[in-house]
Full PDB file with SEQRES, HELIX, SHEET, SSBOND, CRYST1, ORIGX, SCALE, CONECT and MASTER records, all heavy atoms in Angstrom:
SEQRES   1 A   43  SER SER GLU TYR GLN SER ASN PHE LYS ALA PRO ALA ALA          
SEQRES   2 A   43  MET LEU ARG ARG LEU PHE ASP LYS SER LYS PHE ALA ILE          
SEQRES   3 A   43  SER THR GLU GLU THR ARG TYR TYR LEU ASN GLY VAL TYR          
SEQRES   4 A   43  MET HIS VAL ALA                                              
HELIX    1 AA1 ALA A   12  ASP A   20  1                                   9    
HELIX    2 AA2 LYS A   23  ALA A   25  5                                   3    
HELIX    3 AA3 GLU A   30  LEU A   35  5                                   6    
CRYST1    1.000    1.000    1.000  90.00  90.00  90.00 P 1           1          
ORIGX1      1.000000  0.000000  0.000000        0.00000                         
ORIGX2      0.000000  1.000000  0.000000        0.00000                         
ORIGX3      0.000000  0.000000  1.000000        0.00000                         
SCALE1      1.000000  0.000000  0.000000        0.00000                         
SCALE2      0.000000  1.000000  0.000000        0.00000                         
SCALE3      0.000000  0.000000  1.000000        0.00000                         
ATOM      1  N   SER A   1     131.910 132.141 161.180  1.00  0.00           N  
ATOM      2  CA  SER A   1     132.970 131.168 161.431  1.00  0.00           C  
ATOM      3  C   SER A   1     134.129 131.869 162.123  1.00  0.00           C  
ATOM      4  O   SER A   1     134.316 133.081 161.980  1.00  0.00           O  
ATOM      5  CB  SER A   1     133.429 130.505 160.134  1.00  0.00           C  
ATOM      6  OG  SER A   1     133.860 131.513 159.268  1.00  0.00           O  
ATOM      7  N   SER A   2     134.888 131.089 162.846  1.00  0.00           N  
ATOM      8  CA  SER A   2     135.936 131.684 163.659  1.00  0.00           C  
ATOM      9  C   SER A   2     137.253 131.003 163.345  1.00  0.00           C  
ATOM     10  O   SER A   2     137.288 129.834 162.948  1.00  0.00           O  
ATOM     11  CB  SER A   2     135.551 131.449 165.132  1.00  0.00           C  
ATOM     12  OG  SER A   2     136.475 132.067 165.996  1.00  0.00           O  
ATOM     13  N   GLU A   3     138.347 131.727 163.521  1.00  0.00           N  
ATOM     14  CA  GLU A   3     139.658 131.098 163.391  1.00  0.00           C  
ATOM     15  C   GLU A   3     139.991 130.464 164.742  1.00  0.00           C  
ATOM     16  O   GLU A   3     140.100 131.154 165.733  1.00  0.00           O  
ATOM     17  CB  GLU A   3     140.727 132.172 163.076  1.00  0.00           C  
ATOM     18  CG  GLU A   3     140.707 132.620 161.626  1.00  0.00           C  
ATOM     19  CD  GLU A   3     141.101 131.482 160.675  1.00  0.00           C  
ATOM     20  OE1 GLU A   3     142.115 130.827 160.926  1.00  0.00           O  
ATOM     21  OE2 GLU A   3     140.394 131.277 159.679  1.00  0.00           O  
ATOM     22  N   TYR A   4     140.086 129.147 164.754  1.00  0.00           N  
ATOM     23  CA  TYR A   4     140.371 128.458 166.022  1.00  0.00           C  
ATOM     24  C   TYR A   4     141.878 128.313 166.209  1.00  0.00           C  
ATOM     25  O   TYR A   4     142.558 127.808 165.333  1.00  0.00           O  
ATOM     26  CB  TYR A   4     139.685 127.112 166.038  1.00  0.00           C  
ATOM     27  CG  TYR A   4     138.170 127.217 166.039  1.00  0.00           C  
ATOM     28  CD1 TYR A   4     137.424 126.970 164.896  1.00  0.00           C  
ATOM     29  CD2 TYR A   4     137.496 127.577 167.215  1.00  0.00           C  
ATOM     30  CE1 TYR A   4     136.046 127.082 164.905  1.00  0.00           C  
ATOM     31  CE2 TYR A   4     136.115 127.701 167.222  1.00  0.00           C  
ATOM     32  CZ  TYR A   4     135.388 127.452 166.081  1.00  0.00           C  
ATOM     33  OH  TYR A   4     134.020 127.590 166.094  1.00  0.00           O  
ATOM     34  N   GLN A   5     142.363 128.756 167.355  1.00  0.00           N  
ATOM     35  CA  GLN A   5     143.834 128.681 167.556  1.00  0.00           C  
ATOM     36  C   GLN A   5     144.267 127.338 168.126  1.00  0.00           C  
ATOM     37  O   GLN A   5     145.428 127.029 168.138  1.00  0.00           O  
ATOM     38  CB  GLN A   5     144.302 129.835 168.426  1.00  0.00           C  
ATOM     39  CG  GLN A   5     143.733 129.883 169.831  1.00  0.00           C  
ATOM     40  CD  GLN A   5     143.860 131.274 170.418  1.00  0.00           C  
ATOM     41  OE1 GLN A   5     143.089 132.151 170.093  1.00  0.00           O  
ATOM     42  NE2 GLN A   5     144.839 131.467 171.307  1.00  0.00           N  
ATOM     43  N   SER A   6     143.311 126.576 168.629  1.00  0.00           N  
ATOM     44  CA  SER A   6     143.668 125.269 169.150  1.00  0.00           C  
ATOM     45  C   SER A   6     142.702 124.214 168.637  1.00  0.00           C  
ATOM     46  O   SER A   6     141.495 124.385 168.735  1.00  0.00           O  
ATOM     47  CB  SER A   6     143.616 125.307 170.692  1.00  0.00           C  
ATOM     48  OG  SER A   6     143.920 124.047 171.235  1.00  0.00           O  
ATOM     49  N   ASN A   7     143.225 123.173 168.034  1.00  0.00           N  
ATOM     50  CA  ASN A   7     142.409 122.069 167.503  1.00  0.00           C  
ATOM     51  C   ASN A   7     142.989 120.747 167.966  1.00  0.00           C  
ATOM     52  O   ASN A   7     144.182 120.487 167.760  1.00  0.00           O  
ATOM     53  CB  ASN A   7     142.406 122.093 165.957  1.00  0.00           C  
ATOM     54  CG  ASN A   7     141.770 123.348 165.403  1.00  0.00           C  
ATOM     55  OD1 ASN A   7     140.551 123.477 165.364  1.00  0.00           O  
ATOM     56  ND2 ASN A   7     142.601 124.307 165.002  1.00  0.00           N  
ATOM     57  N   PHE A   8     142.155 119.939 168.618  1.00  0.00           N  
ATOM     58  CA  PHE A   8     142.657 118.637 169.074  1.00  0.00           C  
ATOM     59  C   PHE A   8     141.493 117.651 169.150  1.00  0.00           C  
ATOM     60  O   PHE A   8     140.332 118.031 169.049  1.00  0.00           O  
ATOM     61  CB  PHE A   8     143.358 118.759 170.440  1.00  0.00           C  
ATOM     62  CG  PHE A   8     142.470 119.277 171.545  1.00  0.00           C  
ATOM     63  CD1 PHE A   8     141.772 118.416 172.364  1.00  0.00           C  
ATOM     64  CD2 PHE A   8     142.352 120.646 171.771  1.00  0.00           C  
ATOM     65  CE1 PHE A   8     140.956 118.879 173.386  1.00  0.00           C  
ATOM     66  CE2 PHE A   8     141.554 121.133 172.812  1.00  0.00           C  
ATOM     67  CZ  PHE A   8     140.840 120.237 173.610  1.00  0.00           C  
ATOM     68  N   LYS A   9     141.833 116.366 169.314  1.00  0.00           N  
ATOM     69  CA  LYS A   9     140.812 115.326 169.467  1.00  0.00           C  
ATOM     70  C   LYS A   9     140.883 114.770 170.878  1.00  0.00           C  
ATOM     71  O   LYS A   9     141.982 114.584 171.422  1.00  0.00           O  
ATOM     72  CB  LYS A   9     141.030 114.218 168.461  1.00  0.00           C  
ATOM     73  CG  LYS A   9     140.662 114.626 167.044  1.00  0.00           C  
ATOM     74  CD  LYS A   9     140.408 113.426 166.169  1.00  0.00           C  
ATOM     75  CE  LYS A   9     139.621 113.873 164.941  1.00  0.00           C  
ATOM     76  NZ  LYS A   9     139.431 112.835 163.988  1.00  0.00           N  
ATOM     77  N   ALA A  10     139.721 114.507 171.475  1.00  0.00           N  
ATOM     78  CA  ALA A  10     139.686 113.957 172.816  1.00  0.00           C  
ATOM     79  C   ALA A  10     138.618 112.864 172.861  1.00  0.00           C  
ATOM     80  O   ALA A  10     137.561 112.977 172.242  1.00  0.00           O  
ATOM     81  CB  ALA A  10     139.350 115.045 173.823  1.00  0.00           C  
ATOM     82  N   PRO A  11     138.875 111.750 173.582  1.00  0.00           N  
ATOM     83  CA  PRO A  11     137.888 110.694 173.667  1.00  0.00           C  
ATOM     84  C   PRO A  11     136.596 111.213 174.356  1.00  0.00           C  
ATOM     85  O   PRO A  11     136.673 111.990 175.307  1.00  0.00           O  
ATOM     86  CB  PRO A  11     138.569 109.636 174.570  1.00  0.00           C  
ATOM     87  CG  PRO A  11     140.030 109.982 174.562  1.00  0.00           C  
ATOM     88  CD  PRO A  11     140.103 111.464 174.323  1.00  0.00           C  
ATOM     89  N   ALA A  12     135.459 110.754 173.840  1.00  0.00           N  
ATOM     90  CA  ALA A  12     134.170 111.171 174.416  1.00  0.00           C  
ATOM     91  C   ALA A  12     134.097 110.885 175.909  1.00  0.00           C  
ATOM     92  O   ALA A  12     133.609 111.697 176.687  1.00  0.00           O  
ATOM     93  CB  ALA A  12     133.026 110.478 173.664  1.00  0.00           C  
ATOM     94  N   ALA A  13     134.605 109.711 176.300  1.00  0.00           N  
ATOM     95  CA  ALA A  13     134.500 109.310 177.728  1.00  0.00           C  
ATOM     96  C   ALA A  13     135.298 110.301 178.620  1.00  0.00           C  
ATOM     97  O   ALA A  13     134.859 110.607 179.731  1.00  0.00           O  
ATOM     98  CB  ALA A  13     135.033 107.899 177.908  1.00  0.00           C  
ATOM     99  N   MET A  14     136.393 110.790 178.097  1.00  0.00           N  
ATOM    100  CA  MET A  14     137.213 111.740 178.885  1.00  0.00           C  
ATOM    101  C   MET A  14     136.493 113.074 179.064  1.00  0.00           C  
ATOM    102  O   MET A  14     136.421 113.637 180.151  1.00  0.00           O  
ATOM    103  CB  MET A  14     138.543 111.947 178.183  1.00  0.00           C  
ATOM    104  CG  MET A  14     139.482 112.925 178.862  1.00  0.00           C  
ATOM    105  SD  MET A  14     141.028 112.981 177.954  1.00  0.00           S  
ATOM    106  CE  MET A  14     141.029 114.657 177.431  1.00  0.00           C  
ATOM    107  N   LEU A  15     135.932 113.597 177.978  1.00  0.00           N  
ATOM    108  CA  LEU A  15     135.210 114.865 178.045  1.00  0.00           C  
ATOM    109  C   LEU A  15     133.969 114.717 178.923  1.00  0.00           C  
ATOM    110  O   LEU A  15     133.612 115.608 179.674  1.00  0.00           O  
ATOM    111  CB  LEU A  15     134.821 115.327 176.651  1.00  0.00           C  
ATOM    112  CG  LEU A  15     135.955 115.825 175.753  1.00  0.00           C  
ATOM    113  CD1 LEU A  15     135.441 116.124 174.372  1.00  0.00           C  
ATOM    114  CD2 LEU A  15     136.620 117.079 176.326  1.00  0.00           C  
ATOM    115  N   ARG A  16     133.329 113.546 178.820  1.00  0.00           N  
ATOM    116  CA  ARG A  16     132.130 113.304 179.635  1.00  0.00           C  
ATOM    117  C   ARG A  16     132.470 113.378 181.114  1.00  0.00           C  
ATOM    118  O   ARG A  16     131.757 114.003 181.902  1.00  0.00           O  
ATOM    119  CB  ARG A  16     131.524 111.945 179.285  1.00  0.00           C  
ATOM    120  CG  ARG A  16     130.179 111.697 179.930  1.00  0.00           C  
ATOM    121  CD  ARG A  16     129.542 110.449 179.383  1.00  0.00           C  
ATOM    122  NE  ARG A  16     130.240 109.248 179.770  1.00  0.00           N  
ATOM    123  CZ  ARG A  16     130.591 108.280 178.933  1.00  0.00           C  
ATOM    124  NH1 ARG A  16     130.314 108.378 177.660  1.00  0.00           N  
ATOM    125  NH2 ARG A  16     131.226 107.217 179.374  1.00  0.00           N  
ATOM    126  N   ARG A  17     133.582 112.744 181.489  1.00  0.00           N  
ATOM    127  CA  ARG A  17     133.995 112.779 182.899  1.00  0.00           C  
ATOM    128  C   ARG A  17     134.311 114.193 183.347  1.00  0.00           C  
ATOM    129  O   ARG A  17     133.909 114.644 184.418  1.00  0.00           O  
ATOM    130  CB  ARG A  17     135.213 111.870 183.088  1.00  0.00           C  
ATOM    131  CG  ARG A  17     135.793 111.886 184.483  1.00  0.00           C  
ATOM    132  CD  ARG A  17     137.000 110.932 184.627  1.00  0.00           C  
ATOM    133  NE  ARG A  17     137.596 111.052 185.954  1.00  0.00           N  
ATOM    134  CZ  ARG A  17     138.536 111.929 186.267  1.00  0.00           C  
ATOM    135  NH1 ARG A  17     138.991 112.772 185.331  1.00  0.00           N  
ATOM    136  NH2 ARG A  17     139.023 111.979 187.475  1.00  0.00           N  
ATOM    137  N   LEU A  18     135.064 114.926 182.521  1.00  0.00           N  
ATOM    138  CA  LEU A  18     135.463 116.308 182.884  1.00  0.00           C  
ATOM    139  C   LEU A  18     134.255 117.183 183.146  1.00  0.00           C  
ATOM    140  O   LEU A  18     134.195 117.930 184.131  1.00  0.00           O  
ATOM    141  CB  LEU A  18     136.318 116.918 181.774  1.00  0.00           C  
ATOM    142  CG  LEU A  18     137.772 116.489 181.680  1.00  0.00           C  
ATOM    143  CD1 LEU A  18     138.394 117.012 180.396  1.00  0.00           C  
ATOM    144  CD2 LEU A  18     138.582 116.947 182.884  1.00  0.00           C  
ATOM    145  N   PHE A  19     133.271 117.110 182.256  1.00  0.00           N  
ATOM    146  CA  PHE A  19     132.117 118.011 182.392  1.00  0.00           C  
ATOM    147  C   PHE A  19     131.060 117.486 183.368  1.00  0.00           C  
ATOM    148  O   PHE A  19     130.478 118.265 184.121  1.00  0.00           O  
ATOM    149  CB  PHE A  19     131.506 118.292 180.995  1.00  0.00           C  
ATOM    150  CG  PHE A  19     132.318 119.257 180.179  1.00  0.00           C  
ATOM    151  CD1 PHE A  19     133.141 118.799 179.173  1.00  0.00           C  
ATOM    152  CD2 PHE A  19     132.265 120.624 180.433  1.00  0.00           C  
ATOM    153  CE1 PHE A  19     133.918 119.677 178.419  1.00  0.00           C  
ATOM    154  CE2 PHE A  19     133.044 121.506 179.681  1.00  0.00           C  
ATOM    155  CZ  PHE A  19     133.879 121.043 178.662  1.00  0.00           C  
ATOM    156  N   ASP A  20     130.847 116.176 183.364  1.00  0.00           N  
ATOM    157  CA  ASP A  20     129.830 115.612 184.267  1.00  0.00           C  
ATOM    158  C   ASP A  20     130.179 115.832 185.721  1.00  0.00           C  
ATOM    159  O   ASP A  20     129.330 116.106 186.552  1.00  0.00           O  
ATOM    160  CB  ASP A  20     129.655 114.088 184.046  1.00  0.00           C  
ATOM    161  CG  ASP A  20     128.668 113.804 182.934  1.00  0.00           C  
ATOM    162  OD1 ASP A  20     128.192 114.771 182.309  1.00  0.00           O  
ATOM    163  OD2 ASP A  20     128.367 112.615 182.687  1.00  0.00           O  
ATOM    164  N   LYS A  21     131.462 115.703 186.031  1.00  0.00           N  
ATOM    165  CA  LYS A  21     131.897 115.815 187.433  1.00  0.00           C  
ATOM    166  C   LYS A  21     132.059 117.250 187.903  1.00  0.00           C  
ATOM    167  O   LYS A  21     132.166 117.494 189.090  1.00  0.00           O  
ATOM    168  CB  LYS A  21     133.216 115.056 187.650  1.00  0.00           C  
ATOM    169  CG  LYS A  21     133.070 113.556 187.683  1.00  0.00           C  
ATOM    170  CD  LYS A  21     134.407 112.900 187.890  1.00  0.00           C  
ATOM    171  CE  LYS A  21     134.268 111.421 188.171  1.00  0.00           C  
ATOM    172  NZ  LYS A  21     133.628 111.138 189.438  1.00  0.00           N  
ATOM    173  N   SER A  22     132.058 118.178 186.981  1.00  0.00           N  
ATOM    174  CA  SER A  22     132.250 119.567 187.409  1.00  0.00           C  
ATOM    175  C   SER A  22     130.969 120.400 187.312  1.00  0.00           C  
ATOM    176  O   SER A  22     130.807 121.378 188.023  1.00  0.00           O  
ATOM    177  CB  SER A  22     133.341 120.242 186.575  1.00  0.00           C  
ATOM    178  OG  SER A  22     133.069 120.137 185.193  1.00  0.00           O  
ATOM    179  N   LYS A  23     130.013 119.978 186.457  1.00  0.00           N  
ATOM    180  CA  LYS A  23     128.887 120.900 186.151  1.00  0.00           C  
ATOM    181  C   LYS A  23     127.971 121.172 187.342  1.00  0.00           C  
ATOM    182  O   LYS A  23     127.314 122.198 187.382  1.00  0.00           O  
ATOM    183  CB  LYS A  23     128.097 120.355 184.964  1.00  0.00           C  
ATOM    184  CG  LYS A  23     127.348 119.061 185.204  1.00  0.00           C  
ATOM    185  CD  LYS A  23     126.654 118.556 183.954  1.00  0.00           C  
ATOM    186  CE  LYS A  23     125.927 117.252 184.233  1.00  0.00           C  
ATOM    187  NZ  LYS A  23     125.427 116.676 182.972  1.00  0.00           N  
ATOM    188  N   PHE A  24     127.920 120.263 188.336  1.00  0.00           N  
ATOM    189  CA  PHE A  24     127.028 120.497 189.487  1.00  0.00           C  
ATOM    190  C   PHE A  24     127.378 121.755 190.242  1.00  0.00           C  
ATOM    191  O   PHE A  24     126.550 122.349 190.916  1.00  0.00           O  
ATOM    192  CB  PHE A  24     127.026 119.276 190.419  1.00  0.00           C  
ATOM    193  CG  PHE A  24     128.244 119.181 191.298  1.00  0.00           C  
ATOM    194  CD1 PHE A  24     128.262 119.765 192.557  1.00  0.00           C  
ATOM    195  CD2 PHE A  24     129.381 118.526 190.869  1.00  0.00           C  
ATOM    196  CE1 PHE A  24     129.386 119.693 193.349  1.00  0.00           C  
ATOM    197  CE2 PHE A  24     130.528 118.450 191.636  1.00  0.00           C  
ATOM    198  CZ  PHE A  24     130.534 119.036 192.892  1.00  0.00           C  
ATOM    199  N   ALA A  25     128.670 122.189 190.147  1.00  0.00           N  
ATOM    200  CA  ALA A  25     129.121 123.348 190.928  1.00  0.00           C  
ATOM    201  C   ALA A  25     128.995 124.672 190.152  1.00  0.00           C  
ATOM    202  O   ALA A  25     129.369 125.727 190.656  1.00  0.00           O  
ATOM    203  CB  ALA A  25     130.561 123.150 191.353  1.00  0.00           C  
ATOM    204  N   ILE A  26     128.439 124.639 188.918  1.00  0.00           N  
ATOM    205  CA  ILE A  26     128.239 125.872 188.152  1.00  0.00           C  
ATOM    206  C   ILE A  26     127.288 126.791 188.898  1.00  0.00           C  
ATOM    207  O   ILE A  26     126.239 126.367 189.371  1.00  0.00           O  
ATOM    208  CB  ILE A  26     127.680 125.554 186.742  1.00  0.00           C  
ATOM    209  CG1 ILE A  26     128.694 124.747 185.919  1.00  0.00           C  
ATOM    210  CG2 ILE A  26     127.333 126.848 185.997  1.00  0.00           C  
ATOM    211  CD1 ILE A  26     128.147 124.315 184.555  1.00  0.00           C  
ATOM    212  N   SER A  27     127.620 128.062 188.981  1.00  0.00           N  
ATOM    213  CA  SER A  27     126.771 129.047 189.658  1.00  0.00           C  
ATOM    214  C   SER A  27     125.552 129.392 188.809  1.00  0.00           C  
ATOM    215  O   SER A  27     125.657 129.447 187.572  1.00  0.00           O  
ATOM    216  CB  SER A  27     127.576 130.312 189.940  1.00  0.00           C  
ATOM    217  OG  SER A  27     126.733 131.319 190.458  1.00  0.00           O  
ATOM    218  N   THR A  28     124.437 129.646 189.461  1.00  0.00           N  
ATOM    219  CA  THR A  28     123.220 130.070 188.748  1.00  0.00           C  
ATOM    220  C   THR A  28     122.970 131.559 188.995  1.00  0.00           C  
ATOM    221  O   THR A  28     121.959 132.091 188.573  1.00  0.00           O  
ATOM    222  CB  THR A  28     122.000 129.265 189.196  1.00  0.00           C  
ATOM    223  OG1 THR A  28     121.916 129.334 190.617  1.00  0.00           O  
ATOM    224  CG2 THR A  28     122.100 127.810 188.775  1.00  0.00           C  
ATOM    225  N   GLU A  29     123.891 132.212 189.680  1.00  0.00           N  
ATOM    226  CA  GLU A  29     123.743 133.644 190.008  1.00  0.00           C  
ATOM    227  C   GLU A  29     124.135 134.463 188.783  1.00  0.00           C  
ATOM    228  O   GLU A  29     125.313 134.471 188.394  1.00  0.00           O  
ATOM    229  CB  GLU A  29     124.687 133.963 191.168  1.00  0.00           C  
ATOM    230  CG  GLU A  29     124.119 134.899 192.198  1.00  0.00           C  
ATOM    231  CD  GLU A  29     125.114 135.112 193.316  1.00  0.00           C  
ATOM    232  OE1 GLU A  29     125.381 134.173 194.091  1.00  0.00           O  
ATOM    233  OE2 GLU A  29     125.644 136.224 193.402  1.00  0.00           O  
ATOM    234  N   GLU A  30     123.172 135.166 188.222  1.00  0.00           N  
ATOM    235  CA  GLU A  30     123.461 135.895 186.976  1.00  0.00           C  
ATOM    236  C   GLU A  30     124.434 137.048 187.168  1.00  0.00           C  
ATOM    237  O   GLU A  30     125.123 137.470 186.244  1.00  0.00           O  
ATOM    238  CB  GLU A  30     122.155 136.399 186.334  1.00  0.00           C  
ATOM    239  CG  GLU A  30     121.200 135.284 185.885  1.00  0.00           C  
ATOM    240  CD  GLU A  30     121.822 134.288 184.894  1.00  0.00           C  
ATOM    241  OE1 GLU A  30     122.675 134.689 184.092  1.00  0.00           O  
ATOM    242  OE2 GLU A  30     121.463 133.104 184.958  1.00  0.00           O  
ATOM    243  N   THR A  31     124.472 137.611 188.401  1.00  0.00           N  
ATOM    244  CA  THR A  31     125.349 138.763 188.613  1.00  0.00           C  
ATOM    245  C   THR A  31     126.834 138.378 188.511  1.00  0.00           C  
ATOM    246  O   THR A  31     127.655 139.168 188.084  1.00  0.00           O  
ATOM    247  CB  THR A  31     125.107 139.386 189.999  1.00  0.00           C  
ATOM    248  OG1 THR A  31     125.135 138.352 190.971  1.00  0.00           O  
ATOM    249  CG2 THR A  31     123.765 140.101 190.054  1.00  0.00           C  
ATOM    250  N   ARG A  32     127.142 137.145 188.904  1.00  0.00           N  
ATOM    251  CA  ARG A  32     128.528 136.675 188.762  1.00  0.00           C  
ATOM    252  C   ARG A  32     128.585 135.793 187.524  1.00  0.00           C  
ATOM    253  O   ARG A  32     128.825 134.583 187.589  1.00  0.00           O  
ATOM    254  CB  ARG A  32     128.964 135.922 190.015  1.00  0.00           C  
ATOM    255  CG  ARG A  32     128.902 136.825 191.247  1.00  0.00           C  
ATOM    256  CD  ARG A  32     128.938 136.008 192.532  1.00  0.00           C  
ATOM    257  NE  ARG A  32     130.290 135.609 192.860  1.00  0.00           N  
ATOM    258  CZ  ARG A  32     130.593 134.739 193.813  1.00  0.00           C  
ATOM    259  NH1 ARG A  32     129.621 134.160 194.512  1.00  0.00           N  
ATOM    260  NH2 ARG A  32     131.835 134.436 194.098  1.00  0.00           N  
ATOM    261  N   TYR A  33     128.321 136.419 186.383  1.00  0.00           N  
ATOM    262  CA  TYR A  33     128.141 135.705 185.107  1.00  0.00           C  
ATOM    263  C   TYR A  33     129.370 134.840 184.753  1.00  0.00           C  
ATOM    264  O   TYR A  33     129.251 133.839 184.082  1.00  0.00           O  
ATOM    265  CB  TYR A  33     127.832 136.686 183.979  1.00  0.00           C  
ATOM    266  CG  TYR A  33     128.963 137.640 183.701  1.00  0.00           C  
ATOM    267  CD1 TYR A  33     129.926 137.350 182.724  1.00  0.00           C  
ATOM    268  CD2 TYR A  33     129.111 138.822 184.419  1.00  0.00           C  
ATOM    269  CE1 TYR A  33     130.980 138.194 182.480  1.00  0.00           C  
ATOM    270  CE2 TYR A  33     130.177 139.664 184.188  1.00  0.00           C  
ATOM    271  CZ  TYR A  33     131.108 139.357 183.216  1.00  0.00           C  
ATOM    272  OH  TYR A  33     132.166 140.164 182.984  1.00  0.00           O  
ATOM    273  N   TYR A  34     130.569 135.272 185.206  1.00  0.00           N  
ATOM    274  CA  TYR A  34     131.800 134.542 184.865  1.00  0.00           C  
ATOM    275  C   TYR A  34     131.873 133.191 185.597  1.00  0.00           C  
ATOM    276  O   TYR A  34     132.742 132.386 185.311  1.00  0.00           O  
ATOM    277  CB  TYR A  34     133.036 135.399 185.192  1.00  0.00           C  
ATOM    278  CG  TYR A  34     133.005 135.997 186.581  1.00  0.00           C  
ATOM    279  CD1 TYR A  34     133.423 135.279 187.678  1.00  0.00           C  
ATOM    280  CD2 TYR A  34     132.515 137.300 186.759  1.00  0.00           C  
ATOM    281  CE1 TYR A  34     133.360 135.805 188.954  1.00  0.00           C  
ATOM    282  CE2 TYR A  34     132.441 137.837 188.052  1.00  0.00           C  
ATOM    283  CZ  TYR A  34     132.864 137.093 189.127  1.00  0.00           C  
ATOM    284  OH  TYR A  34     132.803 137.628 190.399  1.00  0.00           O  
ATOM    285  N   LEU A  35     130.946 132.955 186.529  1.00  0.00           N  
ATOM    286  CA  LEU A  35     130.900 131.631 187.183  1.00  0.00           C  
ATOM    287  C   LEU A  35     129.782 130.744 186.605  1.00  0.00           C  
ATOM    288  O   LEU A  35     129.555 129.637 187.094  1.00  0.00           O  
ATOM    289  CB  LEU A  35     130.659 131.781 188.697  1.00  0.00           C  
ATOM    290  CG  LEU A  35     131.748 132.508 189.491  1.00  0.00           C  
ATOM    291  CD1 LEU A  35     131.368 132.556 190.981  1.00  0.00           C  
ATOM    292  CD2 LEU A  35     133.104 131.861 189.326  1.00  0.00           C  
ATOM    293  N   ASN A  36     129.087 131.260 185.553  1.00  0.00           N  
ATOM    294  CA  ASN A  36     127.951 130.520 184.982  1.00  0.00           C  
ATOM    295  C   ASN A  36     128.392 129.490 183.935  1.00  0.00           C  
ATOM    296  O   ASN A  36     127.689 129.249 182.947  1.00  0.00           O  
ATOM    297  CB  ASN A  36     126.931 131.483 184.344  1.00  0.00           C  
ATOM    298  CG  ASN A  36     126.246 132.380 185.336  1.00  0.00           C  
ATOM    299  OD1 ASN A  36     125.656 133.361 184.958  1.00  0.00           O  
ATOM    300  ND2 ASN A  36     126.321 132.054 186.633  1.00  0.00           N  
ATOM    301  N   GLY A  37     129.541 128.885 184.137  1.00  0.00           N  
ATOM    302  CA  GLY A  37     130.020 127.889 183.188  1.00  0.00           C  
ATOM    303  C   GLY A  37     131.170 127.093 183.772  1.00  0.00           C  
ATOM    304  O   GLY A  37     131.541 127.244 184.939  1.00  0.00           O  
ATOM    305  N   VAL A  38     131.735 126.242 182.933  1.00  0.00           N  
ATOM    306  CA  VAL A  38     132.884 125.400 183.340  1.00  0.00           C  
ATOM    307  C   VAL A  38     134.146 125.983 182.679  1.00  0.00           C  
ATOM    308  O   VAL A  38     134.179 126.183 181.460  1.00  0.00           O  
ATOM    309  CB  VAL A  38     132.677 123.943 182.890  1.00  0.00           C  
ATOM    310  CG1 VAL A  38     133.944 123.109 183.105  1.00  0.00           C  
ATOM    311  CG2 VAL A  38     131.515 123.312 183.650  1.00  0.00           C  
ATOM    312  N   TYR A  39     135.144 126.268 183.501  1.00  0.00           N  
ATOM    313  CA  TYR A  39     136.389 126.834 183.023  1.00  0.00           C  
ATOM    314  C   TYR A  39     137.306 125.697 182.531  1.00  0.00           C  
ATOM    315  O   TYR A  39     137.766 124.880 183.306  1.00  0.00           O  
ATOM    316  CB  TYR A  39     137.053 127.609 184.145  1.00  0.00           C  
ATOM    317  CG  TYR A  39     138.375 128.267 183.836  1.00  0.00           C  
ATOM    318  CD1 TYR A  39     138.573 128.931 182.614  1.00  0.00           C  
ATOM    319  CD2 TYR A  39     139.422 128.267 184.737  1.00  0.00           C  
ATOM    320  CE1 TYR A  39     139.781 129.546 182.297  1.00  0.00           C  
ATOM    321  CE2 TYR A  39     140.641 128.892 184.467  1.00  0.00           C  
ATOM    322  CZ  TYR A  39     140.817 129.521 183.256  1.00  0.00           C  
ATOM    323  OH  TYR A  39     142.003 130.139 182.961  1.00  0.00           O  
ATOM    324  N   MET A  40     137.492 125.638 181.201  1.00  0.00           N  
ATOM    325  CA  MET A  40     138.329 124.591 180.587  1.00  0.00           C  
ATOM    326  C   MET A  40     139.667 125.206 180.206  1.00  0.00           C  
ATOM    327  O   MET A  40     139.703 126.196 179.470  1.00  0.00           O  
ATOM    328  CB  MET A  40     137.616 124.000 179.364  1.00  0.00           C  
ATOM    329  CG  MET A  40     138.394 122.889 178.682  1.00  0.00           C  
ATOM    330  SD  MET A  40     137.458 122.059 177.355  1.00  0.00           S  
ATOM    331  CE  MET A  40     137.505 123.298 176.058  1.00  0.00           C  
ATOM    332  N   HIS A  41     140.772 124.626 180.691  1.00  0.00           N  
ATOM    333  CA  HIS A  41     142.077 125.207 180.447  1.00  0.00           C  
ATOM    334  C   HIS A  41     143.177 124.168 180.642  1.00  0.00           C  
ATOM    335  O   HIS A  41     142.911 123.045 181.099  1.00  0.00           O  
ATOM    336  CB  HIS A  41     142.312 126.408 181.369  1.00  0.00           C  
ATOM    337  CG  HIS A  41     142.248 126.062 182.828  1.00  0.00           C  
ATOM    338  ND1 HIS A  41     141.122 125.566 183.438  1.00  0.00           N  
ATOM    339  CD2 HIS A  41     143.201 126.112 183.810  1.00  0.00           C  
ATOM    340  CE1 HIS A  41     141.355 125.355 184.725  1.00  0.00           C  
ATOM    341  NE2 HIS A  41     142.621 125.667 184.971  1.00  0.00           N  
ATOM    342  N   VAL A  42     144.379 124.552 180.311  1.00  0.00           N  
ATOM    343  CA  VAL A  42     145.539 123.693 180.516  1.00  0.00           C  
ATOM    344  C   VAL A  42     146.173 124.086 181.859  1.00  0.00           C  
ATOM    345  O   VAL A  42     146.353 125.279 182.125  1.00  0.00           O  
ATOM    346  CB  VAL A  42     146.588 123.850 179.386  1.00  0.00           C  
ATOM    347  CG1 VAL A  42     147.807 122.991 179.653  1.00  0.00           C  
ATOM    348  CG2 VAL A  42     145.949 123.442 178.050  1.00  0.00           C  
ATOM    349  N   ALA A  43     146.467 123.095 182.705  1.00  0.00           N  
ATOM    350  CA  ALA A  43     147.005 123.411 184.035  1.00  0.00           C  
ATOM    351  C   ALA A  43     148.161 122.485 184.359  1.00  0.00           C  
ATOM    352  O   ALA A  43     148.301 121.409 183.790  1.00  0.00           O  
ATOM    353  CB  ALA A  43     145.892 123.277 185.073  1.00  0.00           C  
TER     354      ALA A  43                                                      
MASTER        0    0    0    3    0    0    0    6  353    1    0    4          
END                                                                             
């Protein structure tokens, strides 16, 4: 188990839009492993 420093609730539809619309651009190149996911942050 981990100590989570941020806890919040988000509507499923909102998270679905965020990830569905971004996931197609995820890199499959293992050498640039830091691009093998979706960067979620506050901007």
